[in-house]
Amino acid sequence: MNVPLTFLIDDILRTMALNQKNYFALNKENAKDGREYRFYFRVVTEKECPRNRTYAYVGVKNSSQ
């Protein structure tokens, strides 16, 4: 797959929201260096509108860490 992550943002965020996860994984088959990565986010919901979520990037962890 040669699609840059910037074009997949909506799909990634939708999947994270549906699965109620605070991370997404990039498997080793799709990573250029052959390692698996997990990108973690802090998820904040507002009391007034709990269906809206704000995702703030926290960091990445790869399989060699």
Protein backbone atom coordinates (compact mmCIF):
# COMPACT_ATOMS: atom_id res chain seq x y z
CA MET A 1 0.00 0.00 0.00
CA ASN A 2 1.51 3.33 -1.05
CA VAL A 3 -1.09 5.72 0.38
CA PRO A 4 0.37 8.38 2.73
CA LEU A 5 -1.14 8.40 6.24
CA THR A 6 -2.40 11.95 5.73
CA PHE A 7 -4.97 10.59 3.27
CA LEU A 8 -6.14 7.95 5.75
CA ILE A 9 -6.75 10.24 8.75
CA ASP A 10 -10.56 10.13 8.55
CA ASP A 11 -10.57 6.33 8.28
CA ILE A 12 -8.11 5.96 11.15
CA LEU A 13 -10.05 8.30 13.46
CA ARG A 14 -13.37 6.63 12.58
CA THR A 15 -11.97 3.18 13.34
CA MET A 16 -10.47 4.37 16.63
CA ALA A 17 -13.81 5.90 17.65
CA LEU A 18 -15.89 2.85 16.68
CA ASN A 19 -13.55 0.47 18.52
CA GLN A 20 -13.12 2.86 21.48
CA LYS A 21 -9.32 2.65 21.26
CA ASN A 22 -6.82 5.40 22.03
CA TYR A 23 -4.26 4.10 19.51
CA PHE A 24 -3.89 2.76 16.01
CA ALA A 25 -1.36 0.22 14.83
CA LEU A 26 0.79 0.24 11.72
CA ASN A 27 1.76 -3.37 11.06
CA LYS A 28 5.26 -4.37 10.06
CA GLU A 29 4.19 -5.30 6.53
CA ASN A 30 3.20 -1.68 5.83
CA ALA A 31 6.08 0.00 7.69
CA LYS A 32 9.12 0.92 5.63
CA ASP A 33 11.52 -0.34 8.31
CA GLY A 34 9.67 -3.63 8.90
CA ARG A 35 8.69 -2.87 12.53
CA GLU A 36 5.22 -2.67 14.05
CA TYR A 37 4.18 0.72 15.48
CA ARG A 38 1.39 1.89 17.76
CA PHE A 39 0.49 5.58 17.73
CA TYR A 40 -1.15 6.68 21.00
CA PHE A 41 -3.58 9.57 21.55
CA ARG A 42 -5.22 11.23 24.54
CA VAL A 43 -8.99 11.26 23.98
CA VAL A 44 -11.04 14.07 25.52
CA THR A 45 -14.83 14.29 25.48
CA GLU A 46 -16.83 17.36 26.43
CA LYS A 47 -19.58 17.08 29.05
CA GLU A 48 -21.92 19.20 26.92
CA CYS A 49 -21.53 16.97 23.87
CA PRO A 50 -20.07 13.55 24.76
CA ARG A 51 -20.29 12.32 21.16
CA ASN A 52 -17.55 14.76 20.13
CA ARG A 53 -14.04 13.54 20.81
CA THR A 54 -10.77 15.42 20.59
CA TYR A 55 -7.67 13.34 19.87
CA ALA A 56 -4.28 14.68 20.97
CA TYR A 57 -1.16 12.82 19.84
CA VAL A 58 0.81 11.44 22.81
CA GLY A 59 3.55 9.34 21.24
CA VAL A 60 4.58 6.23 19.37
CA LYS A 61 5.84 2.86 20.51
CA ASN A 62 7.45 0.41 18.11
CA SER A 63 8.02 -3.30 18.46
CA SER A 64 11.70 -2.87 19.32
CA GLN A 65 11.07 -0.55 22.31
